[in-house]
Amino acid sequence: MLWEEVRQAYPDKWVVLEAIEAHSDSNYRIVDEIAVIDIYDDSMDALHRHSELHKQKPNRELYFFHTSREELNILEKKWAGLRKI
């Protein structure tokens, strides 16, 4: 699905998404194809589901957003790579 299709199918909802196809451009993650995993009325329910799924499979590209957003502006964060020894 595309983000616009998700917005039309689930108006005024919180959705937990998985990026099926995505790429990076100018420090933003551009999601080309989306799979909707769950739909919620409450943001905390969506956050908890996102966290649960991320703990189970941290390599999946998961997000949660409210469908009132016109665009998915996902800023990529670069990690310094420093760890406590």
N, C-alpha and C. Protein backbone atom coordinates (compact mmCIF):
# COMPACT_ATOMS: atom_id res chain seq x y z
N MET A 1 0.85 -1.19 0.00
CA MET A 1 0.00 0.00 0.00
C MET A 1 0.88 1.24 0.00
N LEU A 2 0.30 2.30 -0.45
CA LEU A 2 0.93 3.61 -0.36
C LEU A 2 0.35 4.34 0.84
N TRP A 3 1.07 5.36 1.34
CA TRP A 3 0.61 6.09 2.52
C TRP A 3 -0.77 6.71 2.27
N GLU A 4 -1.00 7.26 1.11
CA GLU A 4 -2.30 7.87 0.81
C GLU A 4 -3.43 6.83 0.88
N GLU A 5 -3.17 5.61 0.45
CA GLU A 5 -4.17 4.54 0.54
C GLU A 5 -4.44 4.17 2.00
N VAL A 6 -3.40 4.16 2.81
CA VAL A 6 -3.57 3.88 4.24
C VAL A 6 -4.42 4.96 4.88
N ARG A 7 -4.13 6.22 4.55
CA ARG A 7 -4.89 7.35 5.10
C ARG A 7 -6.37 7.27 4.74
N GLN A 8 -6.66 6.86 3.51
CA GLN A 8 -8.05 6.76 3.07
C GLN A 8 -8.76 5.57 3.72
N ALA A 9 -8.05 4.47 3.87
CA ALA A 9 -8.65 3.26 4.44
C ALA A 9 -8.88 3.37 5.95
N TYR A 10 -8.01 4.12 6.65
CA TYR A 10 -8.08 4.22 8.11
C TYR A 10 -8.04 5.67 8.55
N PRO A 11 -9.06 6.46 8.26
CA PRO A 11 -9.03 7.88 8.64
C PRO A 11 -9.05 8.06 10.15
N ASP A 12 -8.25 9.03 10.60
CA ASP A 12 -8.19 9.42 12.02
C ASP A 12 -7.86 8.26 12.95
N LYS A 13 -6.89 7.45 12.54
CA LYS A 13 -6.44 6.30 13.34
C LYS A 13 -4.93 6.32 13.50
N TRP A 14 -4.46 5.62 14.52
CA TRP A 14 -3.03 5.34 14.69
C TRP A 14 -2.78 3.99 14.04
N VAL A 15 -1.75 3.92 13.20
CA VAL A 15 -1.44 2.68 12.52
C VAL A 15 0.01 2.27 12.79
N VAL A 16 0.20 0.98 13.01
CA VAL A 16 1.53 0.40 13.11
C VAL A 16 1.84 -0.18 11.73
N LEU A 17 2.97 0.24 11.17
CA LEU A 17 3.31 -0.08 9.79
C LEU A 17 4.64 -0.80 9.70
N GLU A 18 4.79 -1.57 8.63
CA GLU A 18 6.09 -2.11 8.28
C GLU A 18 6.42 -1.62 6.88
N ALA A 19 7.64 -1.12 6.72
CA ALA A 19 8.10 -0.69 5.40
C ALA A 19 8.49 -1.94 4.61
N ILE A 20 7.81 -2.19 3.51
CA ILE A 20 8.11 -3.33 2.66
C ILE A 20 9.21 -2.94 1.68
N GLU A 21 9.09 -1.74 1.11
CA GLU A 21 10.12 -1.19 0.24
C GLU A 21 10.39 0.24 0.70
N ALA A 22 11.68 0.56 0.86
CA ALA A 22 12.06 1.90 1.30
C ALA A 22 13.48 2.20 0.84
N HIS A 23 13.79 3.49 0.79
CA HIS A 23 15.14 3.92 0.45
C HIS A 23 15.45 5.21 1.19
N SER A 24 16.71 5.58 1.21
CA SER A 24 17.16 6.80 1.88
C SER A 24 17.44 7.87 0.85
N ASP A 25 17.13 9.13 1.23
CA ASP A 25 17.40 10.27 0.37
C ASP A 25 17.52 11.52 1.23
N SER A 26 18.70 12.13 1.22
CA SER A 26 18.95 13.39 1.95
C SER A 26 18.57 13.29 3.43
N ASN A 27 19.03 12.25 4.10
CA ASN A 27 18.81 12.01 5.52
C ASN A 27 17.34 11.73 5.88
N TYR A 28 16.54 11.38 4.91
CA TYR A 28 15.16 10.98 5.15
C TYR A 28 14.96 9.56 4.64
N ARG A 29 14.11 8.82 5.34
CA ARG A 29 13.73 7.49 4.91
C ARG A 29 12.45 7.62 4.11
N ILE A 30 12.49 7.20 2.87
CA ILE A 30 11.34 7.29 1.97
C ILE A 30 10.74 5.89 1.87
N VAL A 31 9.50 5.76 2.33
CA VAL A 31 8.81 4.47 2.32
C VAL A 31 7.96 4.39 1.05
N ASP A 32 8.31 3.44 0.20
CA ASP A 32 7.62 3.28 -1.08
C ASP A 32 6.41 2.36 -0.99
N GLU A 33 6.52 1.33 -0.15
CA GLU A 33 5.41 0.38 0.01
C GLU A 33 5.27 0.03 1.49
N ILE A 34 4.03 0.01 1.96
CA ILE A 34 3.72 -0.17 3.38
C ILE A 34 2.80 -1.37 3.57
N ALA A 35 3.03 -2.08 4.68
CA ALA A 35 2.08 -3.10 5.14
C ALA A 35 1.53 -2.63 6.48
N VAL A 36 0.22 -2.55 6.59
CA VAL A 36 -0.41 -2.16 7.85
C VAL A 36 -0.47 -3.39 8.74
N ILE A 37 0.06 -3.26 9.95
CA ILE A 37 0.08 -4.38 10.90
C ILE A 37 -1.11 -4.30 11.85
N ASP A 38 -1.32 -3.12 12.45
CA ASP A 38 -2.42 -2.94 13.39
C ASP A 38 -2.95 -1.51 13.32
N ILE A 39 -4.20 -1.34 13.75
CA ILE A 39 -4.86 -0.04 13.76
C ILE A 39 -5.38 0.23 15.16
N TYR A 40 -5.19 1.48 15.63
CA TYR A 40 -5.59 1.84 16.99
C TYR A 40 -6.24 3.22 17.02
N ASP A 41 -7.05 3.44 18.05
CA ASP A 41 -7.60 4.78 18.32
C ASP A 41 -6.67 5.56 19.24
N ASP A 42 -5.90 4.84 20.06
CA ASP A 42 -5.07 5.46 21.09
C ASP A 42 -3.58 5.35 20.73
N SER A 43 -2.86 6.45 20.87
CA SER A 43 -1.44 6.47 20.52
C SER A 43 -0.60 5.56 21.41
N MET A 44 -0.96 5.43 22.68
CA MET A 44 -0.19 4.58 23.59
C MET A 44 -0.34 3.10 23.23
N ASP A 45 -1.50 2.71 22.77
CA ASP A 45 -1.68 1.33 22.31
C ASP A 45 -0.80 1.05 21.10
N ALA A 46 -0.74 2.01 20.18
CA ALA A 46 0.11 1.85 18.99
C ALA A 46 1.58 1.81 19.39
N LEU A 47 1.98 2.66 20.33
CA LEU A 47 3.37 2.67 20.80
C LEU A 47 3.74 1.34 21.45
N HIS A 48 2.87 0.82 22.27
CA HIS A 48 3.15 -0.46 22.93
C HIS A 48 3.27 -1.60 21.92
N ARG A 49 2.40 -1.61 20.93
CA ARG A 49 2.46 -2.66 19.90
C ARG A 49 3.75 -2.53 19.09
N HIS A 50 4.10 -1.31 18.73
CA HIS A 50 5.35 -1.07 18.00
C HIS A 50 6.54 -1.58 18.80
N SER A 51 6.59 -1.25 20.09
CA SER A 51 7.69 -1.68 20.95
C SER A 51 7.75 -3.20 21.07
N GLU A 52 6.60 -3.82 21.22
CA GLU A 52 6.52 -5.28 21.33
C GLU A 52 7.06 -5.95 20.06
N LEU A 53 6.63 -5.47 18.92
CA LEU A 53 7.09 -6.03 17.65
C LEU A 53 8.59 -5.80 17.44
N HIS A 54 9.06 -4.62 17.83
CA HIS A 54 10.48 -4.30 17.66
C HIS A 54 11.35 -5.20 18.54
N LYS A 55 10.89 -5.51 19.73
CA LYS A 55 11.65 -6.42 20.61
C LYS A 55 11.71 -7.83 20.03
N GLN A 56 10.62 -8.26 19.41
CA GLN A 56 10.57 -9.60 18.83
C GLN A 56 11.49 -9.73 17.61
N LYS A 57 11.46 -8.74 16.75
CA LYS A 57 12.25 -8.77 15.51
C LYS A 57 12.82 -7.38 15.24
N PRO A 58 13.96 -7.04 15.86
CA PRO A 58 14.50 -5.69 15.73
C PRO A 58 14.96 -5.30 14.33
N ASN A 59 15.11 -6.25 13.42
CA ASN A 59 15.55 -5.93 12.07
C ASN A 59 14.42 -5.47 11.14
N ARG A 60 13.18 -5.61 11.59
CA ARG A 60 12.06 -5.15 10.77
C ARG A 60 12.00 -3.62 10.82
N GLU A 61 11.64 -3.02 9.71
CA GLU A 61 11.53 -1.56 9.64
C GLU A 61 10.08 -1.18 9.99
N LEU A 62 9.86 -0.90 11.27
CA LEU A 62 8.52 -0.64 11.81
C LEU A 62 8.36 0.82 12.21
N TYR A 63 7.16 1.32 12.02
CA TYR A 63 6.83 2.70 12.39
C TYR A 63 5.40 2.72 12.91
N PHE A 64 5.06 3.81 13.61
CA PHE A 64 3.65 4.06 13.90
C PHE A 64 3.38 5.55 13.70
N PHE A 65 2.27 5.82 13.04
CA PHE A 65 1.90 7.18 12.69
C PHE A 65 0.39 7.35 12.78
N HIS A 66 -0.03 8.60 12.91
CA HIS A 66 -1.45 8.93 12.84
C HIS A 66 -1.77 9.27 11.39
N THR A 67 -2.91 8.81 10.93
CA THR A 67 -3.26 9.00 9.53
C THR A 67 -3.64 10.44 9.18
N SER A 68 -3.66 11.33 10.15
CA SER A 68 -3.90 12.74 9.84
C SER A 68 -2.67 13.38 9.18
N ARG A 69 -1.52 12.72 9.30
CA ARG A 69 -0.31 13.23 8.65
C ARG A 69 -0.43 13.08 7.14
N GLU A 70 -0.14 14.17 6.44
CA GLU A 70 -0.24 14.12 4.99
C GLU A 70 0.91 13.35 4.38
N GLU A 71 2.09 13.45 4.99
CA GLU A 71 3.27 12.77 4.46
C GLU A 71 4.01 12.08 5.59
N LEU A 72 4.75 11.04 5.22
CA LEU A 72 5.62 10.37 6.18
C LEU A 72 7.01 11.00 6.09
N ASN A 73 7.30 11.92 6.97
CA ASN A 73 8.62 12.55 7.01
C ASN A 73 9.44 11.86 8.09
N ILE A 74 10.22 10.88 7.67
CA ILE A 74 10.98 10.06 8.61
C ILE A 74 12.44 10.46 8.52
N LEU A 75 12.90 11.23 9.49
CA LEU A 75 14.28 11.68 9.53
C LEU A 75 15.16 10.54 10.05
N GLU A 76 16.23 10.24 9.32
CA GLU A 76 17.15 9.20 9.74
C GLU A 76 18.11 9.76 10.77
N LYS A 77 18.32 9.00 11.83
CA LYS A 77 19.28 9.39 12.87
C LYS A 77 20.53 8.56 12.72
N LYS A 78 21.65 9.21 12.72
CA LYS A 78 22.92 8.52 12.62
C LYS A 78 23.47 8.31 14.04
N TRP A 79 23.86 7.09 14.32
CA TRP A 79 24.40 6.76 15.63
C TRP A 79 25.92 6.87 15.59
N ALA A 80 26.49 7.39 16.68
CA ALA A 80 27.95 7.60 16.74
C ALA A 80 28.71 6.28 16.84
N GLY A 81 28.06 5.26 17.34
CA GLY A 81 28.70 3.95 17.43
C GLY A 81 29.50 3.75 18.71
N LEU A 82 29.39 4.66 19.64
CA LEU A 82 30.09 4.52 20.91
C LEU A 82 29.30 3.64 21.86
N ARG A 83 30.02 2.76 22.54
CA ARG A 83 29.36 1.87 23.50
C ARG A 83 30.11 1.88 24.81
N LYS A 84 29.36 1.65 25.86
CA LYS A 84 29.96 1.56 27.18
C LYS A 84 30.63 0.20 27.31
N ILE A 85 31.84 0.20 27.76
CA ILE A 85 32.59 -1.06 27.91
C ILE A 85 32.60 -1.50 29.36
